[in-house]
C-alpha atoms as a PDB file:
ATOM      1  CA  MET A   1      25.054   6.326  24.508  1.00  0.00           C
ATOM      2  CA  ARG A   2      24.005   3.107  26.232  1.00  0.00           C
ATOM      3  CA  LYS A   3      22.930   5.008  29.339  1.00  0.00           C
ATOM      4  CA  GLN A   4      20.896   7.424  27.263  1.00  0.00           C
ATOM      5  CA  SER A   5      19.411   4.520  25.324  1.00  0.00           C
ATOM      6  CA  PHE A   6      18.593   2.735  28.580  1.00  0.00           C
ATOM      7  CA  GLU A   7      16.936   5.849  29.989  1.00  0.00           C
ATOM      8  CA  PHE A   8      14.777   6.179  26.889  1.00  0.00           C
ATOM      9  CA  SER A   9      13.865   2.499  27.169  1.00  0.00           C
ATOM     10  CA  VAL A  10      12.798   2.881  30.789  1.00  0.00           C
ATOM     11  CA  LEU A  11      10.886   6.034  29.929  1.00  0.00           C
ATOM     12  CA  GLY A  12       9.150   4.212  27.064  1.00  0.00           C
ATOM     13  CA  ILE A  13       8.120   1.339  29.332  1.00  0.00           C
ATOM     14  CA  ILE A  14       6.711   3.768  31.907  1.00  0.00           C
ATOM     15  CA  CYS A  15       4.690   5.535  29.180  1.00  0.00           C
ATOM     16  CA  VAL A  16       3.294   2.263  27.891  1.00  0.00           C
ATOM     17  CA  VAL A  17       2.279   1.221  31.421  1.00  0.00           C
ATOM     18  CA  LEU A  18       0.561   4.566  32.003  1.00  0.00           C
ATOM     19  CA  ILE A  19      -1.307   4.359  28.697  1.00  0.00           C
ATOM     20  CA  LEU A  20      -2.460   0.811  29.431  1.00  0.00           C
ATOM     21  CA  ALA A  21      -3.656   1.895  32.860  1.00  0.00           C
ATOM     22  CA  MET A  22      -5.700   4.717  31.330  1.00  0.00           C
ATOM     23  CA  VAL A  23      -7.227   2.400  28.715  1.00  0.00           C
ATOM     24  CA  VAL A  24      -8.164  -0.219  31.313  1.00  0.00           C
ATOM     25  CA  SER A  25      -9.575   2.506  33.555  1.00  0.00           C
ATOM     26  CA  GLY A  26     -11.573   3.935  30.659  1.00  0.00           C
ATOM     27  CA  CYS A  27     -12.980   0.515  29.797  1.00  0.00           C
ATOM     28  CA  ALA A  28     -14.012  -0.079  33.384  1.00  0.00           C
ATOM     29  CA  VAL A  29     -15.913   3.214  33.503  1.00  0.00           C
ATOM     30  CA  SER A  30     -17.738   2.559  30.212  1.00  0.00           C
ATOM     31  CA  LYS A  31     -19.057  -0.779  31.487  1.00  0.00           C
ATOM     32  CA  ALA A  32     -20.867   0.838  34.380  1.00  0.00           C
ATOM     33  CA  PRO A  33     -22.882   3.848  33.122  1.00  0.00           C
ATOM     34  CA  ALA A  34     -24.973   5.822  35.567  1.00  0.00           C
ATOM     35  CA  ASN A  35     -28.504   4.504  35.995  1.00  0.00           C
ATOM     36  CA  ASN A  36     -30.041   7.700  34.650  1.00  0.00           C
ATOM     37  CA  GLN A  37     -28.142   7.509  31.375  1.00  0.00           C
ATOM     38  CA  PRO A  38     -29.625   5.810  28.282  1.00  0.00           C
ATOM     39  CA  VAL A  39     -28.106   2.537  27.165  1.00  0.00           C
ATOM     40  CA  LYS A  40     -25.587   3.091  24.392  1.00  0.00           C
ATOM     41  CA  SER A  41     -26.667   1.715  21.039  1.00  0.00           C
ATOM     42  CA  ALA A  42     -24.591  -1.193  19.845  1.00  0.00           C
ATOM     43  CA  GLY A  43     -24.310  -2.967  16.542  1.00  0.00           C
ATOM     44  CA  LYS A  44     -25.593  -1.970  13.139  1.00  0.00           C
ATOM     45  CA  THR A  45     -28.436   0.460  12.517  1.00  0.00           C
ATOM     46  CA  VAL A  46     -31.730  -1.303  11.775  1.00  0.00           C
ATOM     47  CA  LYS A  47     -33.465   0.390   8.843  1.00  0.00           C
ATOM     48  CA  ILE A  48     -37.252   0.041   8.629  1.00  0.00           C
ATOM     49  CA  GLY A  49     -39.267   1.054   5.574  1.00  0.00           C
ATOM     50  CA  VAL A  50     -42.490   2.839   6.488  1.00  0.00           C
ATOM     51  CA  LEU A  51     -45.609   4.036   4.655  1.00  0.00           C
ATOM     52  CA  PRO A  52     -48.156   6.615   5.929  1.00  0.00           C
ATOM     53  CA  ILE A  53     -50.474   3.896   7.291  1.00  0.00           C
ATOM     54  CA  GLU A  54     -51.656   3.091  10.801  1.00  0.00           C
ATOM     55  CA  ASP A  55     -49.809  -0.249  10.906  1.00  0.00           C
ATOM     56  CA  ASN A  56     -46.528   1.659  11.309  1.00  0.00           C
ATOM     57  CA  LEU A  57     -47.705   3.815  14.210  1.00  0.00           C
ATOM     58  CA  PRO A  58     -45.772   1.867  16.924  1.00  0.00           C
ATOM     59  CA  PHE A  59     -42.518   2.912  15.226  1.00  0.00           C
ATOM     60  CA  TYR A  60     -43.401   6.592  15.628  1.00  0.00           C
ATOM     61  CA  VAL A  61     -44.541   6.066  19.217  1.00  0.00           C
ATOM     62  CA  ALA A  62     -41.199   4.389  19.948  1.00  0.00           C
ATOM     63  CA  GLU A  63     -39.330   7.240  18.284  1.00  0.00           C
ATOM     64  CA  LYS A  64     -41.310   9.846  20.252  1.00  0.00           C
ATOM     65  CA  ASP A  65     -40.830   8.084  23.612  1.00  0.00           C
ATOM     66  CA  GLY A  66     -37.166   7.181  23.101  1.00  0.00           C
ATOM     67  CA  LEU A  67     -37.868   3.455  23.349  1.00  0.00           C
ATOM     68  CA  PHE A  68     -35.250   2.455  20.790  1.00  0.00           C
ATOM     69  CA  ALA A  69     -32.495   4.094  22.831  1.00  0.00           C
ATOM     70  CA  LYS A  70     -33.757   2.426  26.008  1.00  0.00           C
ATOM     71  CA  GLU A  71     -33.410  -0.967  24.296  1.00  0.00           C
ATOM     72  CA  GLY A  72     -29.929  -0.090  23.095  1.00  0.00           C
ATOM     73  CA  VAL A  73     -30.734  -0.250  19.386  1.00  0.00           C
ATOM     74  CA  THR A  74     -30.404   2.394  16.671  1.00  0.00           C
ATOM     75  CA  VAL A  75     -33.373   2.353  14.300  1.00  0.00           C
ATOM     76  CA  GLU A  76     -33.769   4.515  11.208  1.00  0.00           C
ATOM     77  CA  LEU A  77     -37.280   4.928   9.789  1.00  0.00           C
ATOM     78  CA  VAL A  78     -37.102   5.306   6.009  1.00  0.00           C
ATOM     79  CA  SER A  79     -40.291   6.754   4.476  1.00  0.00           C
ATOM     80  CA  PHE A  80     -41.695   5.641   1.121  1.00  0.00           C
ATOM     81  CA  ALA A  81     -44.626   6.880  -0.941  1.00  0.00           C
ATOM     82  CA  SER A  82     -45.686   3.432  -2.147  1.00  0.00           C
ATOM     83  CA  ALA A  83     -45.373  -0.246  -1.274  1.00  0.00           C
ATOM     84  CA  ILE A  84     -43.609  -0.895  -4.583  1.00  0.00           C
ATOM     85  CA  GLU A  85     -40.848   1.577  -3.737  1.00  0.00           C
ATOM     86  CA  ARG A  86     -40.512   0.155  -0.235  1.00  0.00           C
ATOM     87  CA  ASP A  87     -40.347  -3.471  -1.422  1.00  0.00           C
ATOM     88  CA  THR A  88     -37.792  -2.530  -4.079  1.00  0.00           C
ATOM     89  CA  ALA A  89     -35.595  -1.023  -1.366  1.00  0.00           C
ATOM     90  CA  LEU A  90     -35.957  -4.201   0.695  1.00  0.00           C
ATOM     91  CA  GLN A  91     -34.900  -6.337  -2.280  1.00  0.00           C
ATOM     92  CA  ALA A  92     -31.854  -4.120  -2.794  1.00  0.00           C
ATOM     93  CA  GLY A  93     -30.838  -4.405   0.867  1.00  0.00           C
ATOM     94  CA  GLN A  94     -31.365  -0.677   1.466  1.00  0.00           C
ATOM     95  CA  ILE A  95     -33.714  -1.447   4.355  1.00  0.00           C
ATOM     96  CA  ASP A  96     -33.824  -4.402   6.748  1.00  0.00           C
ATOM     97  CA  GLY A  97     -37.508  -4.732   7.477  1.00  0.00           C
ATOM     98  CA  GLU A  98     -41.038  -3.466   6.960  1.00  0.00           C
ATOM     99  CA  VAL A  99     -44.676  -4.071   7.833  1.00  0.00           C
ATOM    100  CA  ALA A 100     -46.462  -5.650   4.878  1.00  0.00           C
ATOM    101  CA  ASP A 101     -49.011  -8.415   4.217  1.00  0.00           C
ATOM    102  CA  MET A 102     -48.495 -12.133   3.741  1.00  0.00           C
ATOM    103  CA  VAL A 103     -49.173 -12.031   0.000  1.00  0.00           C
ATOM    104  CA  ALA A 104     -46.239  -9.616  -0.276  1.00  0.00           C
ATOM    105  CA  VAL A 105     -44.089 -11.942   1.867  1.00  0.00           C
ATOM    106  CA  ALA A 106     -44.635 -14.877  -0.515  1.00  0.00           C
ATOM    107  CA  LEU A 107     -44.028 -12.720  -3.598  1.00  0.00           C
ATOM    108  CA  LEU A 108     -40.750 -11.448  -2.117  1.00  0.00           C
ATOM    109  CA  LYS A 109     -39.600 -15.018  -1.576  1.00  0.00           C
ATOM    110  CA  LYS A 110     -40.664 -15.929  -5.106  1.00  0.00           C
ATOM    111  CA  ILE A 111     -38.322 -13.340  -6.631  1.00  0.00           C
ATOM    112  CA  GLY A 112     -35.411 -14.447  -4.457  1.00  0.00           C
ATOM    113  CA  THR A 113     -35.570 -12.078  -1.478  1.00  0.00           C
ATOM    114  CA  ASP A 114     -35.625 -14.381   1.526  1.00  0.00           C
ATOM    115  CA  VAL A 115     -37.596 -12.843   4.389  1.00  0.00           C
ATOM    116  CA  LYS A 116     -38.992 -14.002   7.705  1.00  0.00           C
ATOM    117  CA  ILE A 117     -42.100 -12.909   9.616  1.00  0.00           C
ATOM    118  CA  ALA A 118     -41.308 -11.757  13.163  1.00  0.00           C
ATOM    119  CA  SER A 119     -44.835 -10.941  14.338  1.00  0.00           C
ATOM    120  CA  ILE A 120     -48.298  -9.777  13.345  1.00  0.00           C
ATOM    121  CA  GLY A 121     -48.648  -6.020  12.996  1.00  0.00           C
ATOM    122  CA  LEU A 122     -52.390  -5.380  12.833  1.00  0.00           C
ATOM    123  CA  GLY A 123     -54.933  -8.181  12.523  1.00  0.00           C
ATOM    124  CA  ALA A 124     -54.411 -10.457  15.498  1.00  0.00           C
ATOM    125  CA  THR A 125     -58.127  -9.889  16.171  1.00  0.00           C
ATOM    126  CA  PRO A 126     -60.853  -9.451  13.520  1.00  0.00           C
ATOM    127  CA  LYS A 127     -61.464  -5.795  14.358  1.00  0.00           C
ATOM    128  CA  GLU A 128     -57.840  -4.780  13.744  1.00  0.00           C
ATOM    129  CA  GLY A 129     -57.124  -3.533  10.225  1.00  0.00           C
ATOM    130  CA  ARG A 130     -60.616  -3.639   8.723  1.00  0.00           C
ATOM    131  CA  PHE A 131     -61.328  -4.266   5.006  1.00  0.00           C
ATOM    132  CA  ALA A 132     -64.774  -3.588   3.555  1.00  0.00           C
ATOM    133  CA  ILE A 133     -66.748  -3.996   0.334  1.00  0.00           C
ATOM    134  CA  LEU A 134     -68.930  -0.966  -0.296  1.00  0.00           C
ATOM    135  CA  SER A 135     -71.300   0.132  -3.035  1.00  0.00           C
ATOM    136  CA  SER A 136     -71.335   3.631  -4.532  1.00  0.00           C
ATOM    137  CA  PRO A 137     -73.594   6.291  -2.982  1.00  0.00           C
ATOM    138  CA  LYS A 138     -76.109   6.250  -5.863  1.00  0.00           C
ATOM    139  CA  SER A 139     -76.023   2.476  -6.333  1.00  0.00           C
ATOM    140  CA  SER A 140     -79.087   0.331  -5.728  1.00  0.00           C
ATOM    141  CA  ILE A 141     -76.824  -2.424  -4.371  1.00  0.00           C
ATOM    142  CA  LYS A 142     -77.417  -2.618  -0.630  1.00  0.00           C
ATOM    143  CA  ASP A 143     -76.618  -6.251   0.184  1.00  0.00           C
ATOM    144  CA  LEU A 144     -74.649  -9.294  -0.987  1.00  0.00           C
ATOM    145  CA  ALA A 145     -77.440 -10.485  -3.276  1.00  0.00           C
ATOM    146  CA  GLY A 146     -77.083  -7.307  -5.290  1.00  0.00           C
ATOM    147  CA  LEU A 147     -73.461  -8.107  -6.160  1.00  0.00           C
ATOM    148  CA  LYS A 148     -74.475 -10.479  -8.961  1.00  0.00           C
ATOM    149  CA  GLY A 149     -73.314  -8.836 -12.184  1.00  0.00           C
ATOM    150  CA  ALA A 150     -71.738  -5.907 -10.319  1.00  0.00           C
ATOM    151  CA  THR A 151     -68.257  -4.509 -10.947  1.00  0.00           C
ATOM    152  CA  LEU A 152     -65.939  -4.773  -7.951  1.00  0.00           C
ATOM    153  CA  GLY A 153     -62.894  -2.513  -7.808  1.00  0.00           C
ATOM    154  CA  ILE A 154     -59.851  -4.260  -6.324  1.00  0.00           C
ATOM    155  CA  SER A 155     -56.081  -4.447  -6.638  1.00  0.00           C
ATOM    156  CA  GLN A 156     -55.480  -7.646  -8.574  1.00  0.00           C
ATOM    157  CA  ASN A 157     -53.350 -10.413  -7.016  1.00  0.00           C
ATOM    158  CA  SER A 158     -52.995  -8.501  -3.757  1.00  0.00           C
ATOM    159  CA  ILE A 159     -54.230  -8.858  -0.193  1.00  0.00           C
ATOM    160  CA  ILE A 160     -57.297  -6.822  -1.243  1.00  0.00           C
ATOM    161  CA  ASP A 161     -58.053  -9.461  -3.878  1.00  0.00           C
ATOM    162  CA  TYR A 162     -57.608 -12.262  -1.338  1.00  0.00           C
ATOM    163  CA  VAL A 163     -59.802 -10.643   1.321  1.00  0.00           C
ATOM    164  CA  SER A 164     -62.531  -9.895  -1.227  1.00  0.00           C
ATOM    165  CA  ASP A 165     -62.617 -13.527  -2.364  1.00  0.00           C
ATOM    166  CA  GLN A 166     -62.730 -14.856   1.195  1.00  0.00           C
ATOM    167  CA  MET A 167     -65.561 -12.567   2.270  1.00  0.00           C
ATOM    168  CA  LEU A 168     -67.632 -13.417  -0.812  1.00  0.00           C
ATOM    169  CA  LEU A 169     -67.013 -17.154  -0.475  1.00  0.00           C
ATOM    170  CA  ASP A 170     -67.858 -17.050   3.232  1.00  0.00           C
ATOM    171  CA  LYS A 171     -71.259 -15.592   2.415  1.00  0.00           C
ATOM    172  CA  GLY A 172     -72.024 -17.946  -0.458  1.00  0.00           C
ATOM    173  CA  VAL A 173     -71.431 -15.522  -3.334  1.00  0.00           C
ATOM    174  CA  VAL A 174     -70.267 -17.185  -6.572  1.00  0.00           C
ATOM    175  CA  LEU A 175     -67.012 -15.424  -7.501  1.00  0.00           C
ATOM    176  CA  ASN A 176     -67.690 -15.605 -11.235  1.00  0.00           C
ATOM    177  CA  ASP A 177     -70.918 -13.650 -10.672  1.00  0.00           C
ATOM    178  CA  VAL A 178     -68.861 -10.590  -9.745  1.00  0.00           C
ATOM    179  CA  LYS A 179     -66.820  -8.715 -12.352  1.00  0.00           C
ATOM    180  CA  LYS A 180     -63.517  -7.644 -10.861  1.00  0.00           C
ATOM    181  CA  MET A 181     -61.782  -4.506 -12.127  1.00  0.00           C
ATOM    182  CA  SER A 182     -58.162  -3.965 -11.112  1.00  0.00           C
ATOM    183  CA  ILE A 183     -57.622  -0.418  -9.834  1.00  0.00           C
ATOM    184  CA  PRO A 184     -54.304  -0.640  -7.947  1.00  0.00           C
ATOM    185  CA  LYS A 185     -54.183   2.920  -6.585  1.00  0.00           C
ATOM    186  CA  MET A 186     -56.514   3.089  -3.601  1.00  0.00           C
ATOM    187  CA  PRO A 187     -57.293   6.843  -3.811  1.00  0.00           C
ATOM    188  CA  VAL A 188     -58.302   6.339  -7.463  1.00  0.00           C
ATOM    189  CA  ARG A 189     -60.456   3.355  -6.498  1.00  0.00           C
ATOM    190  CA  LEU A 190     -62.148   5.445  -3.815  1.00  0.00           C
ATOM    191  CA  ASP A 191     -62.803   8.318  -6.247  1.00  0.00           C
ATOM    192  CA  MET A 192     -64.252   5.964  -8.852  1.00  0.00           C
ATOM    193  CA  LEU A 193     -66.552   4.444  -6.237  1.00  0.00           C
ATOM    194  CA  LEU A 194     -67.780   7.805  -4.933  1.00  0.00           C
ATOM    195  CA  SER A 195     -68.355   9.112  -8.476  1.00  0.00           C
ATOM    196  CA  ASP A 196     -70.352   5.979  -9.436  1.00  0.00           C
ATOM    197  CA  GLN A 197     -67.834   4.911 -12.089  1.00  0.00           C
ATOM    198  CA  ILE A 198     -67.811   1.468 -10.459  1.00  0.00           C
ATOM    199  CA  ASN A 199     -70.634  -0.270  -8.570  1.00  0.00           C
ATOM    200  CA  THR A 200     -68.577  -1.541  -5.666  1.00  0.00           C
ATOM    201  CA  ALA A 201     -65.030  -1.544  -4.299  1.00  0.00           C
ATOM    202  CA  CYS A 202     -62.975  -3.214  -1.597  1.00  0.00           C
ATOM    203  CA  LEU A 203     -61.093  -0.717   0.567  1.00  0.00           C
ATOM    204  CA  PRO A 204     -59.121  -0.822   3.827  1.00  0.00           C
ATOM    205  CA  ASP A 205     -59.663   1.627   6.653  1.00  0.00           C
ATOM    206  CA  PRO A 206     -59.482   4.583   6.910  1.00  0.00           C
ATOM    207  CA  LEU A 207     -60.562   4.845   3.254  1.00  0.00           C
ATOM    208  CA  ALA A 208     -63.490   2.487   3.848  1.00  0.00           C
ATOM    209  CA  SER A 209     -64.705   4.704   6.696  1.00  0.00           C
ATOM    210  CA  LEU A 210     -64.231   7.784   4.522  1.00  0.00           C
ATOM    211  CA  ALA A 211     -66.327   6.201   1.770  1.00  0.00           C
ATOM    212  CA  GLU A 212     -69.089   5.488   4.290  1.00  0.00           C
ATOM    213  CA  ALA A 213     -68.933   9.071   5.546  1.00  0.00           C
ATOM    214  CA  LYS A 214     -69.440  10.259   1.971  1.00  0.00           C
ATOM    215  CA  GLY A 215     -72.516   8.106   1.427  1.00  0.00           C
ATOM    216  CA  ALA A 216     -71.201   4.727   0.234  1.00  0.00           C
ATOM    217  CA  HIS A 217     -73.178   1.695   1.443  1.00  0.00           C
ATOM    218  CA  LEU A 218     -71.399  -0.952   3.529  1.00  0.00           C
ATOM    219  CA  ILE A 219     -72.073  -4.395   2.028  1.00  0.00           C
ATOM    220  CA  ILE A 220     -69.706  -6.480   4.170  1.00  0.00           C
ATOM    221  CA  ASP A 221     -66.496  -6.113   6.154  1.00  0.00           C
ATOM    222  CA  ASP A 222     -64.070  -8.636   7.625  1.00  0.00           C
ATOM    223  CA  THR A 223     -64.692  -7.914  11.307  1.00  0.00           C
ATOM    224  CA  TYR A 224     -66.610 -11.202  11.687  1.00  0.00           C
ATOM    225  CA  ARG A 225     -63.445 -13.366  11.435  1.00  0.00           C
ATOM    226  CA  ASN A 226     -59.707 -13.074  10.939  1.00  0.00           C
ATOM    227  CA  ILE A 227     -59.001 -13.075   7.219  1.00  0.00           C
ATOM    228  CA  SER A 228     -55.856 -11.030   6.923  1.00  0.00           C
ATOM    229  CA  GLN A 229     -53.039  -9.547   8.940  1.00  0.00           C
ATOM    230  CA  THR A 230     -50.160  -7.250   8.310  1.00  0.00           C
ATOM    231  CA  VAL A 231     -46.858  -8.718   9.465  1.00  0.00           C
ATOM    232  CA  PHE A 232     -43.538  -7.329  10.638  1.00  0.00           C
ATOM    233  CA  LEU A 233     -40.871  -8.940   8.448  1.00  0.00           C
ATOM    234  CA  PHE A 234     -37.101  -8.806   7.965  1.00  0.00           C
ATOM    235  CA  ARG A 235     -34.609  -9.855   5.346  1.00  0.00           C
ATOM    236  CA  THR A 236     -33.048 -13.154   6.426  1.00  0.00           C
ATOM    237  CA  GLN A 237     -29.599 -11.735   5.697  1.00  0.00           C
ATOM    238  CA  SER A 238     -30.277  -8.807   8.052  1.00  0.00           C
ATOM    239  CA  ILE A 239     -31.327 -11.239  10.795  1.00  0.00           C
ATOM    240  CA  GLN A 240     -28.127 -13.219  10.357  1.00  0.00           C
ATOM    241  CA  GLU A 241     -25.947 -10.095  10.421  1.00  0.00           C
ATOM    242  CA  ASN A 242     -27.663  -8.261  13.272  1.00  0.00           C
ATOM    243  CA  LEU A 243     -29.750 -10.722  15.272  1.00  0.00           C
ATOM    244  CA  GLU A 244     -29.733  -8.828  18.574  1.00  0.00           C
ATOM    245  CA  GLY A 245     -30.562  -5.535  16.864  1.00  0.00           C
ATOM    246  CA  ILE A 246     -33.495  -7.108  15.046  1.00  0.00           C
ATOM    247  CA  LYS A 247     -34.790  -8.736  18.235  1.00  0.00           C
ATOM    248  CA  ALA A 248     -34.577  -5.418  20.079  1.00  0.00           C
ATOM    249  CA  THR A 249     -36.493  -3.682  17.275  1.00  0.00           C
ATOM    250  CA  VAL A 250     -39.262  -6.288  17.471  1.00  0.00           C
ATOM    251  CA  ARG A 251     -39.470  -5.866  21.270  1.00  0.00           C
ATOM    252  CA  VAL A 252     -39.805  -2.108  20.889  1.00  0.00           C
ATOM    253  CA  TYR A 253     -42.527  -2.442  18.235  1.00  0.00           C
ATOM    254  CA  GLY A 254     -44.479  -4.622  20.654  1.00  0.00           C
ATOM    255  CA  SER A 255     -44.061  -2.389  23.709  1.00  0.00           C
ATOM    256  CA  ALA A 256     -44.880   0.743  21.705  1.00  0.00           C
ATOM    257  CA  GLY A 257     -48.027  -0.915  20.358  1.00  0.00           C
ATOM    258  CA  GLN A 258     -49.116  -1.711  23.915  1.00  0.00           C
ATOM    259  CA  ALA A 259     -48.401   1.844  25.081  1.00  0.00           C
ATOM    260  CA  LEU A 260     -50.520   3.160  22.216  1.00  0.00           C
ATOM    261  CA  SER A 261     -53.371   0.759  22.972  1.00  0.00           C
ATOM    262  CA  LYS A 262     -53.439   1.664  26.671  1.00  0.00           C
ATOM    263  CA  ASN A 263     -53.214   5.442  26.155  1.00  0.00           C
ATOM    264  CA  PRO A 264     -54.678   6.234  22.708  1.00  0.00           C
ATOM    265  CA  ASP A 265     -55.474   9.855  23.582  1.00  0.00           C
ATOM    266  CA  GLN A 266     -51.848  10.509  24.441  1.00  0.00           C
ATOM    267  CA  TYR A 267     -50.812   9.671  20.866  1.00  0.00           C
ATOM    268  CA  ARG A 268     -53.905  10.950  19.031  1.00  0.00           C
ATOM    269  CA  SER A 269     -52.201  13.867  17.259  1.00  0.00           C
ATOM    270  CA  LEU A 270     -49.249  11.665  16.283  1.00  0.00           C
ATOM    271  CA  PHE A 271     -51.652   9.097  14.808  1.00  0.00           C
ATOM    272  CA  LEU A 272     -53.606  11.676  12.800  1.00  0.00           C
ATOM    273  CA  GLU A 273     -50.364  13.063  11.376  1.00  0.00           C
ATOM    274  CA  LYS A 274     -48.461   9.873  10.574  1.00  0.00           C
ATOM    275  CA  ALA A 275     -51.404   7.793   9.291  1.00  0.00           C
ATOM    276  CA  GLN A 276     -52.621  10.739   7.178  1.00  0.00           C
ATOM    277  CA  VAL A 277     -56.190  10.339   8.404  1.00  0.00           C
ATOM    278  CA  PRO A 278     -58.542  12.283   6.071  1.00  0.00           C
ATOM    279  CA  THR A 279     -59.759  15.618   7.443  1.00  0.00           C
ATOM    280  CA  GLU A 280     -63.376  14.433   7.385  1.00  0.00           C
ATOM    281  CA  LEU A 281     -62.530  11.629   9.849  1.00  0.00           C
ATOM    282  CA  LYS A 282     -60.228  13.420  12.294  1.00  0.00           C
ATOM    283  CA  GLU A 283     -62.937  13.715  14.935  1.00  0.00           C
ATOM    284  CA  SER A 284     -64.607  10.325  14.516  1.00  0.00           C
ATOM    285  CA  TYR A 285     -61.978   7.820  13.377  1.00  0.00           C
ATOM    286  CA  GLN A 286     -60.714   5.666  16.222  1.00  0.00           C
ATOM    287  CA  THR A 287     -57.026   5.322  17.091  1.00  0.00           C
ATOM    288  CA  PRO A 288     -56.083   1.691  16.342  1.00  0.00           C
ATOM    289  CA  THR A 289     -55.240  -0.800  19.071  1.00  0.00           C
ATOM    290  CA  PHE A 290     -52.463  -3.352  18.755  1.00  0.00           C
ATOM    291  CA  SER A 291     -52.471  -6.840  20.229  1.00  0.00           C
ATOM    292  CA  LYS A 292     -49.404  -8.250  21.958  1.00  0.00           C
ATOM    293  CA  LEU A 293     -46.690  -9.630  19.693  1.00  0.00           C
ATOM    294  CA  GLN A 294     -47.638 -12.970  18.169  1.00  0.00           C
ATOM    295  CA  LEU A 295     -47.179 -14.947  14.983  1.00  0.00           C
ATOM    296  CA  PRO A 296     -49.955 -15.648  12.473  1.00  0.00           C
ATOM    297  CA  THR A 297     -51.372 -19.142  12.755  1.00  0.00           C
ATOM    298  CA  GLU A 298     -50.390 -21.945  10.428  1.00  0.00           C
ATOM    299  CA  GLU A 299     -53.989 -22.091   9.205  1.00  0.00           C
ATOM    300  CA  GLU A 300     -53.979 -18.402   8.257  1.00  0.00           C
ATOM    301  CA  ILE A 301     -50.748 -18.722   6.291  1.00  0.00           C
ATOM    302  CA  ASN A 302     -51.829 -21.954   4.585  1.00  0.00           C
ATOM    303  CA  SER A 303     -55.074 -20.328   3.433  1.00  0.00           C
ATOM    304  CA  ILE A 304     -53.175 -17.529   1.688  1.00  0.00           C
ATOM    305  CA  MET A 305     -50.662 -19.966   0.193  1.00  0.00           C
ATOM    306  CA  LYS A 306     -53.489 -22.087  -1.273  1.00  0.00           C
ATOM    307  CA  TRP A 307     -55.163 -19.007  -2.775  1.00  0.00           C
ATOM    308  CA  MET A 308     -51.875 -17.827  -4.323  1.00  0.00           C
ATOM    309  CA  LEU A 309     -51.127 -21.295  -5.652  1.00  0.00           C
ATOM    310  CA  ASP A 310     -54.590 -21.565  -7.233  1.00  0.00           C
ATOM    311  CA  LYS A 311     -53.985 -18.221  -8.939  1.00  0.00           C
ATOM    312  CA  LYS A 312     -50.526 -19.374 -10.072  1.00  0.00           C
ATOM    313  CA  LEU A 313     -48.896 -16.450  -8.265  1.00  0.00           C
ATOM    314  CA  ILE A 314     -46.274 -18.751  -6.739  1.00  0.00           C
ATOM    315  CA  PRO A 315     -44.709 -21.935  -8.131  1.00  0.00           C
ATOM    316  CA  GLN A 316     -45.256 -23.800  -4.865  1.00  0.00           C
ATOM    317  CA  ALA A 317     -46.851 -23.207  -1.494  1.00  0.00           C
ATOM    318  CA  TYR A 318     -44.332 -22.058   1.103  1.00  0.00           C
ATOM    319  CA  SER A 319     -44.506 -23.873   4.432  1.00  0.00           C
ATOM    320  CA  TYR A 320     -45.091 -22.186   7.765  1.00  0.00           C
ATOM    321  CA  GLN A 321     -41.438 -22.764   8.644  1.00  0.00           C
ATOM    322  CA  ASP A 322     -40.374 -21.135   5.368  1.00  0.00           C
ATOM    323  CA  LEU A 323     -42.111 -17.894   6.304  1.00  0.00           C
ATOM    324  CA  VAL A 324     -41.844 -17.363  10.069  1.00  0.00           C
ATOM    325  CA  ASP A 325     -39.018 -17.049  12.580  1.00  0.00           C
ATOM    326  CA  PRO A 326     -40.366 -17.678  16.119  1.00  0.00           C
ATOM    327  CA  SER A 327     -36.973 -16.879  17.654  1.00  0.00           C
ATOM    328  CA  LEU A 328     -37.456 -13.151  16.965  1.00  0.00           C
ATOM    329  CA  LEU A 329     -40.337 -12.863  19.450  1.00  0.00           C
ATOM    330  CA  PRO A 330     -39.434 -11.805  23.017  1.00  0.00           C
END
């Protein structure tokens, strides 16, 4: 009995040693993958909420070119039909990040969803992400002077509202001389402008370009100075739980934006599909270019905070440090 027991003990020890050897050997192999193999994704999946707008195009370029895998990060793009649905998902922790505007950032913080800006999306230069005020095709309004007493279609308490105010103030227009009408849905606002139901409207591209193509008159656009930017933002909790994954996602967004800017023709069909460019503009509308990753300036953020505070949209102005996280940039 003892001999048999001893033999089993020796046999057990040998088995354990062999198993350990195989495990160690396996670990050693996994640490040195072949150079032609993609880096294995590590950590949690980063979920990004996306809308069919051009600001999100670098995500689709990265997906097409396999850039996420090359950076060793797993990213899931979650599509939404509206900004409200996307922001609701962010609040609920169903997604980690999104590209939105700085008014939305402050409003998210106001309701208790702590977020941080990682970089500008579009808008590092004045020509990126154009907004425009246009008059209806049959309107007699052809310049800023004609806006006195006119009705201006906007989305109240939004980035559209902010940009409209800044453009009018820059050009010496008294805000109270213009009657604002809140029309939140942009396609409805465009239709009302083109059918002369409203005198003027503020629209972003490509809808502004579409309105021009259909006969609307350009009164002013924001290409003369930087008034607004979209920003790439993340939930603070997501940053804390998956810092390296978030940083990798930001790096990929930046490199994909540069690839797109350098070779726009290569991604033309992808852009037309994902940004849902209207059929009438598919030949003429330019593929957007993206600047290198950078944060908005303190002046740009403070301007929006002051505007929101004056409108009583936030209880207090958030500081630059409250809203940005410089550590997320490469």
